[in-house]
PDB file of N, CA and C in Angstrom:
ATOM      1  N   MET A   1     101.163  86.565 120.625  1.00  0.00           N
ATOM      2  CA  MET A   1     101.391  87.846 119.980  1.00  0.00           C
ATOM      3  C   MET A   1     100.317  88.822 120.429  1.00  0.00           C
ATOM      4  N   SER A   2     100.679  90.039 120.615  1.00  0.00           N
ATOM      5  CA  SER A   2      99.768  91.054 121.120  1.00  0.00           C
ATOM      6  C   SER A   2      98.781  91.490 120.039  1.00  0.00           C
ATOM      7  N   LEU A   3      97.591  91.854 120.466  1.00  0.00           N
ATOM      8  CA  LEU A   3      96.602  92.390 119.537  1.00  0.00           C
ATOM      9  C   LEU A   3      96.843  93.861 119.250  1.00  0.00           C
ATOM     10  N   TYR A   4      97.673  94.505 120.043  1.00  0.00           N
ATOM     11  CA  TYR A   4      97.993  95.916 119.841  1.00  0.00           C
ATOM     12  C   TYR A   4      99.267  96.033 119.034  1.00  0.00           C
ATOM     13  N   ASP A   5      99.166  96.601 117.859  1.00  0.00           N
ATOM     14  CA  ASP A   5     100.354  96.796 117.033  1.00  0.00           C
ATOM     15  C   ASP A   5     100.479  98.268 116.667  1.00  0.00           C
ATOM     16  N   GLU A   6     100.271  99.142 117.641  1.00  0.00           N
ATOM     17  CA  GLU A   6     100.328 100.573 117.389  1.00  0.00           C
ATOM     18  C   GLU A   6     101.728 100.996 116.981  1.00  0.00           C
ATOM     19  N   GLY A   7     101.796 101.877 116.019  1.00  0.00           N
ATOM     20  CA  GLY A   7     103.072 102.380 115.552  1.00  0.00           C
ATOM     21  C   GLY A   7     103.698 101.563 114.453  1.00  0.00           C
ATOM     22  N   HIS A   8     103.179 100.373 114.175  1.00  0.00           N
ATOM     23  CA  HIS A   8     103.731  99.543 113.111  1.00  0.00           C
ATOM     24  C   HIS A   8     103.062  99.904 111.802  1.00  0.00           C
ATOM     25  N   THR A   9     103.233 101.160 111.407  1.00  0.00           N
ATOM     26  CA  THR A   9     102.613 101.659 110.183  1.00  0.00           C
ATOM     27  C   THR A   9     103.640 102.464 109.400  1.00  0.00           C
ATOM     28  N   ILE A  10     103.301 102.743 108.167  1.00  0.00           N
ATOM     29  CA  ILE A  10     104.163 103.590 107.341  1.00  0.00           C
ATOM     30  C   ILE A  10     104.298 104.966 107.986  1.00  0.00           C
ATOM     31  N   ALA A  11     103.195 105.513 108.492  1.00  0.00           N
ATOM     32  CA  ALA A  11     103.221 106.836 109.121  1.00  0.00           C
ATOM     33  C   ALA A  11     104.129 106.838 110.347  1.00  0.00           C
ATOM     34  N   GLY A  12     104.001 105.816 111.183  1.00  0.00           N
ATOM     35  CA  GLY A  12     104.808 105.759 112.399  1.00  0.00           C
ATOM     36  C   GLY A  12     106.296 105.636 112.116  1.00  0.00           C
ATOM     37  N   TRP A  13     106.660 104.730 111.233  1.00  0.00           N
ATOM     38  CA  TRP A  13     108.075 104.526 110.958  1.00  0.00           C
ATOM     39  C   TRP A  13     108.686 105.691 110.188  1.00  0.00           C
ATOM     40  N   THR A  14     107.919 106.334 109.327  1.00  0.00           N
ATOM     41  CA  THR A  14     108.439 107.496 108.609  1.00  0.00           C
ATOM     42  C   THR A  14     108.715 108.633 109.588  1.00  0.00           C
ATOM     43  N   GLY A  15     107.772 108.868 110.505  1.00  0.00           N
ATOM     44  CA  GLY A  15     107.974 109.909 111.509  1.00  0.00           C
ATOM     45  C   GLY A  15     109.189 109.640 112.377  1.00  0.00           C
ATOM     46  N   VAL A  16     109.351 108.398 112.798  1.00  0.00           N
ATOM     47  CA  VAL A  16     110.507 108.036 113.633  1.00  0.00           C
ATOM     48  C   VAL A  16     111.807 108.175 112.841  1.00  0.00           C
ATOM     49  N   GLY A  17     111.786 107.779 111.583  1.00  0.00           N
ATOM     50  CA  GLY A  17     112.997 107.890 110.758  1.00  0.00           C
ATOM     51  C   GLY A  17     113.439 109.331 110.563  1.00  0.00           C
ATOM     52  N   ILE A  18     112.478 110.212 110.300  1.00  0.00           N
ATOM     53  CA  ILE A  18     112.813 111.624 110.111  1.00  0.00           C
ATOM     54  C   ILE A  18     113.321 112.232 111.419  1.00  0.00           C
ATOM     55  N   ALA A  19     112.672 111.900 112.537  1.00  0.00           N
ATOM     56  CA  ALA A  19     113.105 112.428 113.831  1.00  0.00           C
ATOM     57  C   ALA A  19     114.496 111.913 114.203  1.00  0.00           C
ATOM     58  N   THR A  20     114.774 110.661 113.893  1.00  0.00           N
ATOM     59  CA  THR A  20     116.091 110.096 114.199  1.00  0.00           C
ATOM     60  C   THR A  20     117.175 110.773 113.359  1.00  0.00           C
ATOM     61  N   ALA A  21     116.900 110.980 112.084  1.00  0.00           N
ATOM     62  CA  ALA A  21     117.865 111.668 111.223  1.00  0.00           C
ATOM     63  C   ALA A  21     118.087 113.100 111.701  1.00  0.00           C
ATOM     64  N   GLY A  22     117.012 113.766 112.093  1.00  0.00           N
ATOM     65  CA  GLY A  22     117.143 115.135 112.597  1.00  0.00           C
ATOM     66  C   GLY A  22     117.923 115.198 113.895  1.00  0.00           C
ATOM     67  N   GLY A  23     117.663 114.250 114.795  1.00  0.00           N
ATOM     68  CA  GLY A  23     118.414 114.207 116.051  1.00  0.00           C
ATOM     69  C   GLY A  23     119.885 113.926 115.822  1.00  0.00           C
ATOM     70  N   GLY A  24     120.170 113.019 114.895  1.00  0.00           N
ATOM     71  CA  GLY A  24     121.560 112.720 114.566  1.00  0.00           C
ATOM     72  C   GLY A  24     122.273 113.912 113.940  1.00  0.00           C
ATOM     73  N   LEU A  25     121.563 114.622 113.063  1.00  0.00           N
ATOM     74  CA  LEU A  25     122.148 115.796 112.422  1.00  0.00           C
ATOM     75  C   LEU A  25     122.393 116.905 113.441  1.00  0.00           C
ATOM     76  N   ALA A  26     121.453 117.108 114.356  1.00  0.00           N
ATOM     77  CA  ALA A  26     121.652 118.121 115.403  1.00  0.00           C
ATOM     78  C   ALA A  26     122.812 117.726 116.318  1.00  0.00           C
ATOM     79  N   GLY A  27     122.922 116.441 116.645  1.00  0.00           N
ATOM     80  CA  GLY A  27     124.037 115.976 117.463  1.00  0.00           C
ATOM     81  C   GLY A  27     125.372 116.147 116.776  1.00  0.00           C
ATOM     82  N   TRP A  28     125.392 115.874 115.487  1.00  0.00           N
ATOM     83  CA  TRP A  28     126.622 116.077 114.718  1.00  0.00           C
ATOM     84  C   TRP A  28     126.977 117.562 114.682  1.00  0.00           C
ATOM     85  N   GLY A  29     125.948 118.406 114.565  1.00  0.00           N
ATOM     86  CA  GLY A  29     126.178 119.849 114.582  1.00  0.00           C
ATOM     87  C   GLY A  29     126.771 120.321 115.895  1.00  0.00           C
ATOM     88  N   VAL A  30     126.364 119.710 117.005  1.00  0.00           N
ATOM     89  CA  VAL A  30     126.946 120.050 118.303  1.00  0.00           C
ATOM     90  C   VAL A  30     128.412 119.623 118.337  1.00  0.00           C
ATOM     91  N   CYS A  31     128.692 118.447 117.814  1.00  0.00           N
ATOM     92  CA  CYS A  31     130.078 117.936 117.838  1.00  0.00           C
ATOM     93  C   CYS A  31     131.026 118.793 117.007  1.00  0.00           C
ATOM     94  N   VAL A  32     130.565 119.304 115.868  1.00  0.00           N
ATOM     95  CA  VAL A  32     131.436 120.091 114.995  1.00  0.00           C
ATOM     96  C   VAL A  32     131.236 121.592 115.169  1.00  0.00           C
ATOM     97  N   CYS A  33     130.442 121.976 116.171  1.00  0.00           N
ATOM     98  CA  CYS A  33     130.174 123.387 116.482  1.00  0.00           C
ATOM     99  C   CYS A  33     129.606 124.138 115.281  1.00  0.00           C
ATOM    100  N   SER A  34     128.578 123.568 114.666  1.00  0.00           N
ATOM    101  CA  SER A  34     127.945 124.184 113.511  1.00  0.00           C
ATOM    102  C   SER A  34     126.490 124.535 113.845  1.00  0.00           C
ATOM    103  N   PRO A  35     126.210 125.817 114.093  1.00  0.00           N
ATOM    104  CA  PRO A  35     124.837 126.206 114.417  1.00  0.00           C
ATOM    105  C   PRO A  35     123.841 125.895 113.295  1.00  0.00           C
ATOM    106  N   SER A  36     124.305 125.971 112.053  1.00  0.00           N
ATOM    107  CA  SER A  36     123.383 125.701 110.949  1.00  0.00           C
ATOM    108  C   SER A  36     122.956 124.227 110.937  1.00  0.00           C
ATOM    109  N   LEU A  37     123.871 123.301 111.218  1.00  0.00           N
ATOM    110  CA  LEU A  37     123.505 121.886 111.291  1.00  0.00           C
ATOM    111  C   LEU A  37     122.545 121.625 112.453  1.00  0.00           C
ATOM    112  N   ILE A  38     122.772 122.304 113.563  1.00  0.00           N
ATOM    113  CA  ILE A  38     121.886 122.147 114.719  1.00  0.00           C
ATOM    114  C   ILE A  38     120.484 122.619 114.372  1.00  0.00           C
ATOM    115  N   VAL A  39     120.366 123.756 113.724  1.00  0.00           N
ATOM    116  CA  VAL A  39     119.049 124.304 113.364  1.00  0.00           C
ATOM    117  C   VAL A  39     118.345 123.398 112.363  1.00  0.00           C
ATOM    118  N   VAL A  40     119.064 122.918 111.357  1.00  0.00           N
ATOM    119  CA  VAL A  40     118.452 122.030 110.369  1.00  0.00           C
ATOM    120  C   VAL A  40     118.015 120.720 111.023  1.00  0.00           C
ATOM    121  N   GLY A  41     118.832 120.192 111.904  1.00  0.00           N
ATOM    122  CA  GLY A  41     118.469 118.959 112.604  1.00  0.00           C
ATOM    123  C   GLY A  41     117.244 119.138 113.474  1.00  0.00           C
ATOM    124  N   LEU A  42     117.178 120.236 114.214  1.00  0.00           N
ATOM    125  CA  LEU A  42     116.016 120.493 115.052  1.00  0.00           C
ATOM    126  C   LEU A  42     114.765 120.775 114.220  1.00  0.00           C
ATOM    127  N   ALA A  43     114.951 121.381 113.055  1.00  0.00           N
ATOM    128  CA  ALA A  43     113.807 121.598 112.155  1.00  0.00           C
ATOM    129  C   ALA A  43     113.259 120.259 111.659  1.00  0.00           C
ATOM    130  N   LEU A  44     114.135 119.315 111.346  1.00  0.00           N
ATOM    131  CA  LEU A  44     113.690 117.981 110.937  1.00  0.00           C
ATOM    132  C   LEU A  44     112.930 117.287 112.061  1.00  0.00           C
ATOM    133  N   VAL A  45     113.423 117.433 113.278  1.00  0.00           N
ATOM    134  CA  VAL A  45     112.732 116.835 114.421  1.00  0.00           C
ATOM    135  C   VAL A  45     111.345 117.463 114.576  1.00  0.00           C
ATOM    136  N   ALA A  46     111.237 118.769 114.370  1.00  0.00           N
ATOM    137  CA  ALA A  46     109.944 119.453 114.498  1.00  0.00           C
ATOM    138  C   ALA A  46     108.981 119.073 113.377  1.00  0.00           C
ATOM    139  N   VAL A  47     109.483 118.768 112.201  1.00  0.00           N
ATOM    140  CA  VAL A  47     108.640 118.429 111.051  1.00  0.00           C
ATOM    141  C   VAL A  47     108.157 116.978 111.114  1.00  0.00           C
ATOM    142  N   SER A  48     108.883 116.117 111.795  1.00  0.00           N
ATOM    143  CA  SER A  48     108.570 114.685 111.781  1.00  0.00           C
ATOM    144  C   SER A  48     107.155 114.359 112.273  1.00  0.00           C
ATOM    145  N   PRO A  49     106.625 114.960 113.348  1.00  0.00           N
ATOM    146  CA  PRO A  49     105.242 114.622 113.714  1.00  0.00           C
ATOM    147  C   PRO A  49     104.230 115.120 112.692  1.00  0.00           C
ATOM    148  N   LEU A  50     104.536 116.207 112.008  1.00  0.00           N
ATOM    149  CA  LEU A  50     103.611 116.711 110.984  1.00  0.00           C
ATOM    150  C   LEU A  50     103.551 115.762 109.790  1.00  0.00           C
ATOM    151  N   VAL A  51     104.690 115.207 109.420  1.00  0.00           N
ATOM    152  CA  VAL A  51     104.718 114.241 108.317  1.00  0.00           C
ATOM    153  C   VAL A  51     103.960 112.972 108.709  1.00  0.00           C
ATOM    154  N   ALA A  52     104.198 112.486 109.931  1.00  0.00           N
ATOM    155  CA  ALA A  52     103.483 111.291 110.395  1.00  0.00           C
ATOM    156  C   ALA A  52     101.988 111.546 110.469  1.00  0.00           C
ATOM    157  N   TRP A  53     101.597 112.721 110.912  1.00  0.00           N
ATOM    158  CA  TRP A  53     100.172 113.080 110.998  1.00  0.00           C
ATOM    159  C   TRP A  53      99.538 113.113 109.610  1.00  0.00           C
ATOM    160  N   ALA A  54     100.229 113.730 108.645  1.00  0.00           N
ATOM    161  CA  ALA A  54      99.704 113.786 107.278  1.00  0.00           C
ATOM    162  C   ALA A  54      99.555 112.383 106.692  1.00  0.00           C
ATOM    163  N   LEU A  55     100.523 111.521 106.920  1.00  0.00           N
ATOM    164  CA  LEU A  55     100.416 110.152 106.430  1.00  0.00           C
ATOM    165  C   LEU A  55      99.298 109.391 107.134  1.00  0.00           C
ATOM    166  N   HIS A  56      99.095 109.655 108.398  1.00  0.00           N
ATOM    167  CA  HIS A  56      97.997 109.018 109.140  1.00  0.00           C
ATOM    168  C   HIS A  56      96.648 109.417 108.545  1.00  0.00           C
ATOM    169  N   LEU A  57      96.508 110.683 108.199  1.00  0.00           N
ATOM    170  CA  LEU A  57      95.242 111.163 107.653  1.00  0.00           C
ATOM    171  C   LEU A  57      94.979 110.634 106.241  1.00  0.00           C
ATOM    172  N   THR A  58      96.028 110.235 105.525  1.00  0.00           N
ATOM    173  CA  THR A  58      95.834 109.670 104.191  1.00  0.00           C
ATOM    174  C   THR A  58      95.595 108.165 104.225  1.00  0.00           C
ATOM    175  N   GLY A  59      95.581 107.590 105.420  1.00  0.00           N
ATOM    176  CA  GLY A  59      95.302 106.164 105.538  1.00  0.00           C
ATOM    177  C   GLY A  59      96.526 105.302 105.741  1.00  0.00           C
ATOM    178  N   ARG A  60      97.698 105.898 105.859  1.00  0.00           N
ATOM    179  CA  ARG A  60      98.925 105.133 106.066  1.00  0.00           C
ATOM    180  C   ARG A  60      99.234 104.911 107.543  1.00  0.00           C
ATOM    181  N   GLY A  61      98.386 105.453 108.413  1.00  0.00           N
ATOM    182  CA  GLY A  61      98.475 105.198 109.843  1.00  0.00           C
ATOM    183  C   GLY A  61      97.187 104.511 110.250  1.00  0.00           C
ATOM    184  N   LYS A  62      97.155 103.936 111.431  1.00  0.00           N
ATOM    185  CA  LYS A  62      95.954 103.219 111.853  1.00  0.00           C
ATOM    186  C   LYS A  62      95.472 103.752 113.181  1.00  0.00           C
ATOM    187  N   ALA A  63      94.228 103.452 113.475  1.00  0.00           N
ATOM    188  CA  ALA A  63      93.629 103.901 114.731  1.00  0.00           C
ATOM    189  C   ALA A  63      94.259 103.177 115.910  1.00  0.00           C
ATOM    190  N   PRO A  64      94.293 103.819 117.075  1.00  0.00           N
ATOM    191  CA  PRO A  64      94.785 103.122 118.256  1.00  0.00           C
ATOM    192  C   PRO A  64      93.824 102.023 118.679  1.00  0.00           C
ATOM    193  N   GLY A  65      94.336 100.999 119.303  1.00  0.00           N
ATOM    194  CA  GLY A  65      93.490  99.937 119.829  1.00  0.00           C
ATOM    195  C   GLY A  65      93.629  98.631 119.087  1.00  0.00           C
ATOM    196  N   VAL A  66      92.750  97.703 119.427  1.00  0.00           N
ATOM    197  CA  VAL A  66      92.781  96.349 118.867  1.00  0.00           C
ATOM    198  C   VAL A  66      92.219  96.364 117.453  1.00  0.00           C
ATOM    199  N   ARG A  67      92.910  95.665 116.548  1.00  0.00           N
ATOM    200  CA  ARG A  67      92.454  95.550 115.161  1.00  0.00           C
ATOM    201  C   ARG A  67      92.369  94.079 114.782  1.00  0.00           C
ATOM    202  N   PRO A  68      91.542  93.764 113.791  1.00  0.00           N
ATOM    203  CA  PRO A  68      91.495  92.380 113.305  1.00  0.00           C
ATOM    204  C   PRO A  68      92.850  91.968 112.717  1.00  0.00           C
ATOM    205  N   ARG A  69      93.116  90.691 112.726  1.00  0.00           N
ATOM    206  CA  ARG A  69      94.403  90.169 112.265  1.00  0.00           C
ATOM    207  C   ARG A  69      94.715  90.558 110.820  1.00  0.00           C
ATOM    208  N   GLU A  70      93.723  90.643 109.952  1.00  0.00           N
ATOM    209  CA  GLU A  70      93.991  90.984 108.546  1.00  0.00           C
ATOM    210  C   GLU A  70      94.431  92.433 108.372  1.00  0.00           C
ATOM    211  N   GLU A  71      94.306  93.274 109.399  1.00  0.00           N
ATOM    212  CA  GLU A  71      94.744  94.668 109.327  1.00  0.00           C
ATOM    213  C   GLU A  71      96.078  94.894 110.015  1.00  0.00           C
ATOM    214  N   TRP A  72      96.769  93.836 110.429  1.00  0.00           N
ATOM    215  CA  TRP A  72      98.024  93.977 111.147  1.00  0.00           C
ATOM    216  C   TRP A  72      99.192  94.355 110.253  1.00  0.00           C
ATOM    217  N   GLY A  73      99.129  94.056 108.984  1.00  0.00           N
ATOM    218  CA  GLY A  73     100.256  94.331 108.093  1.00  0.00           C
ATOM    219  C   GLY A  73     100.573  95.809 108.008  1.00  0.00           C
ATOM    220  N   MET A  74     101.866  96.115 107.934  1.00  0.00           N
ATOM    221  CA  MET A  74     102.274  97.514 107.916  1.00  0.00           C
ATOM    222  C   MET A  74     101.823  98.234 106.646  1.00  0.00           C
ATOM    223  N   ARG A  75     101.729  97.523 105.554  1.00  0.00           N
ATOM    224  CA  ARG A  75     101.369  98.159 104.285  1.00  0.00           C
ATOM    225  C   ARG A  75      99.869  98.170 104.013  1.00  0.00           C
ATOM    226  N   VAL A  76      99.070  97.651 104.937  1.00  0.00           N
ATOM    227  CA  VAL A  76      97.620  97.641 104.755  1.00  0.00           C
ATOM    228  C   VAL A  76      97.107  99.048 104.987  1.00  0.00           C
ATOM    229  N   ARG A  77      96.446  99.589 103.997  1.00  0.00           N
ATOM    230  CA  ARG A  77      95.918 100.947 104.097  1.00  0.00           C
ATOM    231  C   ARG A  77      94.618 100.947 104.880  1.00  0.00           C
ATOM    232  N   ASP A  78      94.455 101.931 105.743  1.00  0.00           N
ATOM    233  CA  ASP A  78      93.256 102.048 106.565  1.00  0.00           C
ATOM    234  C   ASP A  78      92.175 102.777 105.778  1.00  0.00           C
ATOM    235  N   THR A  79      91.105 102.079 105.465  1.00  0.00           N
ATOM    236  CA  THR A  79      90.029 102.673 104.664  1.00  0.00           C
ATOM    237  C   THR A  79      89.096 103.540 105.496  1.00  0.00           C
ATOM    238  N   ARG A  80      89.185 103.450 106.827  1.00  0.00           N
ATOM    239  CA  ARG A  80      88.311 104.253 107.684  1.00  0.00           C
ATOM    240  C   ARG A  80      88.912 105.596 108.060  1.00  0.00           C
ATOM    241  N   ALA A  81      90.069 105.933 107.528  1.00  0.00           N
ATOM    242  CA  ALA A  81      90.741 107.181 107.898  1.00  0.00           C
ATOM    243  C   ALA A  81      89.980 108.404 107.404  1.00  0.00           C
ATOM    244  N   ARG A  82      89.226 108.270 106.335  1.00  0.00           N
ATOM    245  CA  ARG A  82      88.516 109.406 105.759  1.00  0.00           C
ATOM    246  C   ARG A  82      87.495 109.991 106.732  1.00  0.00           C
ATOM    247  N   GLU A  83      86.755 109.133 107.441  1.00  0.00           N
ATOM    248  CA  GLU A  83      85.759 109.633 108.386  1.00  0.00           C
ATOM    249  C   GLU A  83      86.325 109.868 109.779  1.00  0.00           C
ATOM    250  N   GLY A  84      87.536 109.436 110.020  1.00  0.00           N
ATOM    251  CA  GLY A  84      88.184 109.655 111.309  1.00  0.00           C
ATOM    252  C   GLY A  84      88.046 108.462 112.223  1.00  0.00           C
ATOM    253  N   HIS A  85      89.030 108.292 113.076  1.00  0.00           N
ATOM    254  CA  HIS A  85      89.037 107.177 114.013  1.00  0.00           C
ATOM    255  C   HIS A  85      88.463 107.632 115.347  1.00  0.00           C
ATOM    256  N   PRO A  86      87.619 106.829 115.960  1.00  0.00           N
ATOM    257  CA  PRO A  86      87.088 107.211 117.268  1.00  0.00           C
ATOM    258  C   PRO A  86      88.206 107.200 118.314  1.00  0.00           C
ATOM    259  N   GLY A  87      88.281 108.249 119.088  1.00  0.00           N
ATOM    260  CA  GLY A  87      89.285 108.349 120.131  1.00  0.00           C
ATOM    261  C   GLY A  87      90.665 108.750 119.648  1.00  0.00           C
ATOM    262  N   CYS A  88      90.819 109.136 118.397  1.00  0.00           N
ATOM    263  CA  CYS A  88      92.115 109.503 117.838  1.00  0.00           C
ATOM    264  C   CYS A  88      92.296 111.020 117.918  1.00  0.00           C
ATOM    265  N   VAL A  89      93.310 111.455 118.630  1.00  0.00           N
ATOM    266  CA  VAL A  89      93.557 112.884 118.794  1.00  0.00           C
ATOM    267  C   VAL A  89      93.947 113.514 117.457  1.00  0.00           C
ATOM    268  N   GLY A  90      94.740 112.829 116.658  1.00  0.00           N
ATOM    269  CA  GLY A  90      95.149 113.361 115.362  1.00  0.00           C
ATOM    270  C   GLY A  90      93.971 113.590 114.434  1.00  0.00           C
ATOM    271  N   CYS A  91      93.016 112.674 114.441  1.00  0.00           N
ATOM    272  CA  CYS A  91      91.824 112.851 113.605  1.00  0.00           C
ATOM    273  C   CYS A  91      90.964 114.002 114.120  1.00  0.00           C
ATOM    274  N   ARG A  92      90.863 114.127 115.445  1.00  0.00           N
ATOM    275  CA  ARG A  92      90.078 115.237 115.994  1.00  0.00           C
ATOM    276  C   ARG A  92      90.717 116.580 115.681  1.00  0.00           C
ATOM    277  N   LEU A  93      92.044 116.649 115.697  1.00  0.00           N
ATOM    278  CA  LEU A  93      92.725 117.894 115.351  1.00  0.00           C
ATOM    279  C   LEU A  93      92.490 118.281 113.893  1.00  0.00           C
ATOM    280  N   ALA A  94      92.280 117.288 113.051  1.00  0.00           N
ATOM    281  CA  ALA A  94      92.026 117.542 111.631  1.00  0.00           C
ATOM    282  C   ALA A  94      90.548 117.784 111.347  1.00  0.00           C
ATOM    283  N   GLY A  95      89.716 117.743 112.385  1.00  0.00           N
ATOM    284  CA  GLY A  95      88.281 117.967 112.187  1.00  0.00           C
ATOM    285  C   GLY A  95      87.535 116.712 111.799  1.00  0.00           C
ATOM    286  N   ARG A  96      88.177 115.576 111.971  1.00  0.00           N
ATOM    287  CA  ARG A  96      87.530 114.305 111.661  1.00  0.00           C
ATOM    288  C   ARG A  96      87.182 113.602 112.960  1.00  0.00           C
ATOM    289  N   GLY A  97      86.536 112.495 112.839  1.00  0.00           N
ATOM    290  CA  GLY A  97      86.237 111.688 114.019  1.00  0.00           C
ATOM    291  C   GLY A  97      84.783 111.755 114.391  1.00  0.00           C
ATOM    292  N   ARG A  98      84.388 110.781 115.139  1.00  0.00           N
ATOM    293  CA  ARG A  98      82.996 110.696 115.552  1.00  0.00           C
ATOM    294  C   ARG A  98      82.822 111.418 116.865  1.00  0.00           C
ATOM    295  N   ARG A  99      81.879 112.310 116.882  1.00  0.00           N
ATOM    296  CA  ARG A  99      81.555 113.023 118.107  1.00  0.00           C
ATOM    297  C   ARG A  99      80.411 112.282 118.795  1.00  0.00           C
ATOM    298  N   VAL A 100      80.568 112.026 120.051  1.00  0.00           N
ATOM    299  CA  VAL A 100      79.539 111.347 120.821  1.00  0.00           C
ATOM    300  C   VAL A 100      78.677 112.413 121.469  1.00  0.00           C
ATOM    301  N   ALA A 101      77.368 112.341 121.210  1.00  0.00           N
ATOM    302  CA  ALA A 101      76.466 113.312 121.796  1.00  0.00           C
ATOM    303  C   ALA A 101      76.324 113.031 123.282  1.00  0.00           C
ATOM    304  N   THR A 102      76.535 114.052 124.072  1.00  0.00           N
ATOM    305  CA  THR A 102      76.392 113.908 125.512  1.00  0.00           C
ATOM    306  C   THR A 102      75.203 114.724 125.969  1.00  0.00           C
ATOM    307  N   THR A 103      74.534 114.225 126.945  1.00  0.00           N
ATOM    308  CA  THR A 103      73.405 114.967 127.484  1.00  0.00           C
ATOM    309  C   THR A 103      73.927 115.936 128.524  1.00  0.00           C
ATOM    310  N   PRO A 104      73.373 117.137 128.557  1.00  0.00           N
ATOM    311  CA  PRO A 104      73.862 118.113 129.526  1.00  0.00           C
ATOM    312  C   PRO A 104      73.528 117.671 130.944  1.00  0.00           C
ATOM    313  N   VAL A 105      74.449 117.935 131.834  1.00  0.00           N
ATOM    314  CA  VAL A 105      74.281 117.571 133.238  1.00  0.00           C
ATOM    315  C   VAL A 105      73.585 118.728 133.935  1.00  0.00           C
ATOM    316  N   THR A 106      72.465 118.439 134.558  1.00  0.00           N
ATOM    317  CA  THR A 106      71.760 119.485 135.296  1.00  0.00           C
ATOM    318  C   THR A 106      72.040 119.299 136.769  1.00  0.00           C
ATOM    319  N   THR A 107      72.255 120.394 137.431  1.00  0.00           N
ATOM    320  CA  THR A 107      72.515 120.333 138.862  1.00  0.00           C
ATOM    321  C   THR A 107      71.324 120.910 139.592  1.00  0.00           C
ATOM    322  N   SER A 108      71.077 120.356 140.723  1.00  0.00           N
ATOM    323  CA  SER A 108      69.981 120.875 141.532  1.00  0.00           C
ATOM    324  C   SER A 108      70.479 122.080 142.303  1.00  0.00           C
ATOM    325  N   GLY A 109      69.596 122.798 142.864  1.00  0.00           N
ATOM    326  CA  GLY A 109      69.936 124.010 143.591  1.00  0.00           C
ATOM    327  C   GLY A 109      70.543 123.745 144.944  1.00  0.00           C
ATOM    328  N   SER A 110      70.863 122.506 145.282  1.00  0.00           N
ATOM    329  CA  SER A 110      71.388 122.197 146.603  1.00  0.00           C
ATOM    330  C   SER A 110      72.829 122.652 146.772  1.00  0.00           C
ATOM    331  N   GLY A 111      73.525 122.905 145.661  1.00  0.00           N
ATOM    332  CA  GLY A 111      74.891 123.407 145.744  1.00  0.00           C
ATOM    333  C   GLY A 111      75.894 122.350 146.137  1.00  0.00           C
ATOM    334  N   GLY A 112      75.587 121.084 145.926  1.00  0.00           N
ATOM    335  CA  GLY A 112      76.510 120.010 146.278  1.00  0.00           C
ATOM    336  C   GLY A 112      77.711 120.010 145.360  1.00  0.00           C
ATOM    337  N   ALA A 113      78.880 119.911 145.916  1.00  0.00           N
ATOM    338  CA  ALA A 113      80.096 119.903 145.114  1.00  0.00           C
ATOM    339  C   ALA A 113      80.191 118.581 144.365  1.00  0.00           C
ATOM    340  N   GLY A 114      80.596 118.658 143.111  1.00  0.00           N
ATOM    341  CA  GLY A 114      80.776 117.450 142.310  1.00  0.00           C
ATOM    342  C   GLY A 114      79.467 116.824 141.879  1.00  0.00           C
ATOM    343  N   ALA A 115      78.453 117.641 141.635  1.00  0.00           N
ATOM    344  CA  ALA A 115      77.151 117.102 141.253  1.00  0.00           C
ATOM    345  C   ALA A 115      77.215 116.379 139.915  1.00  0.00           C
ATOM    346  N   GLY A 116      78.101 116.825 139.000  1.00  0.00           N
ATOM    347  CA  GLY A 116      78.184 116.200 137.686  1.00  0.00           C
ATOM    348  C   GLY A 116      79.301 115.178 137.591  1.00  0.00           C
ATOM    349  N   ALA A 117      80.005 114.928 138.666  1.00  0.00           N
ATOM    350  CA  ALA A 117      81.144 114.007 138.621  1.00  0.00           C
ATOM    351  C   ALA A 117      80.676 112.588 138.339  1.00  0.00           C
ATOM    352  N   GLY A 118      81.393 111.922 137.479  1.00  0.00           N
ATOM    353  CA  GLY A 118      81.088 110.532 137.177  1.00  0.00           C
ATOM    354  C   GLY A 118      79.955 110.338 136.185  1.00  0.00           C
ATOM    355  N   SER A 119      79.445 111.406 135.601  1.00  0.00           N
ATOM    356  CA  SER A 119      78.323 111.260 134.690  1.00  0.00           C
ATOM    357  C   SER A 119      78.768 110.991 133.262  1.00  0.00           C
ATOM    358  N   ARG A 120      80.023 111.263 132.942  1.00  0.00           N
ATOM    359  CA  ARG A 120      80.538 111.064 131.602  1.00  0.00           C
ATOM    360  C   ARG A 120      81.616 110.003 131.619  1.00  0.00           C
ATOM    361  N   PRO A 121      81.651 109.103 130.638  1.00  0.00           N
ATOM    362  CA  PRO A 121      82.708 108.096 130.619  1.00  0.00           C
ATOM    363  C   PRO A 121      84.067 108.743 130.342  1.00  0.00           C
ATOM    364  N   LEU A 122      85.118 108.146 130.867  1.00  0.00           N
ATOM    365  CA  LEU A 122      86.454 108.680 130.717  1.00  0.00           C
ATOM    366  C   LEU A 122      87.113 108.282 129.407  1.00  0.00           C
ATOM    367  N   SER A 123      86.682 107.212 128.803  1.00  0.00           N
ATOM    368  CA  SER A 123      87.259 106.775 127.550  1.00  0.00           C
ATOM    369  C   SER A 123      86.180 106.140 126.688  1.00  0.00           C
ATOM    370  N   PRO A 124      86.439 105.960 125.377  1.00  0.00           N
ATOM    371  CA  PRO A 124      85.443 105.349 124.511  1.00  0.00           C
ATOM    372  C   PRO A 124      85.125 103.901 124.881  1.00  0.00           C
ATOM    373  N   VAL A 125      86.002 103.250 125.637  1.00  0.00           N
ATOM    374  CA  VAL A 125      85.790 101.863 126.001  1.00  0.00           C
ATOM    375  C   VAL A 125      84.725 101.738 127.088  1.00  0.00           C
ATOM    376  N   GLU A 126      84.655 102.733 127.961  1.00  0.00           N
ATOM    377  CA  GLU A 126      83.733 102.647 129.100  1.00  0.00           C
ATOM    378  C   GLU A 126      82.327 102.816 128.697  1.00  0.00           C
TER     379      GLU A 126
END
């Protein structure tokens, strides 16, 4: 069994359920030529990531990456959501998350191209 169980959360499944219902409603609106059904369906699709994001921030979603086995259950609430998950774009958009202090890259006057290249890690794992 994989150690990565991303998306197996209340937030993930709720977002997918709302988007699926919205897509189905918009498709039905196309079939019956109803602009109002199409608009309502597309509005549901647009709202679904916001609902999933809100649930993620309340602890019903989990951070990306490997988690201990006791946190694999879908109904297990994430207690670390309050301070933000490292490397989580949703937490950073909400103003949460750990910021890693980086030292400024100084370049010499030689004018070499790419003087600062490779000085910063590309991901939190590196």
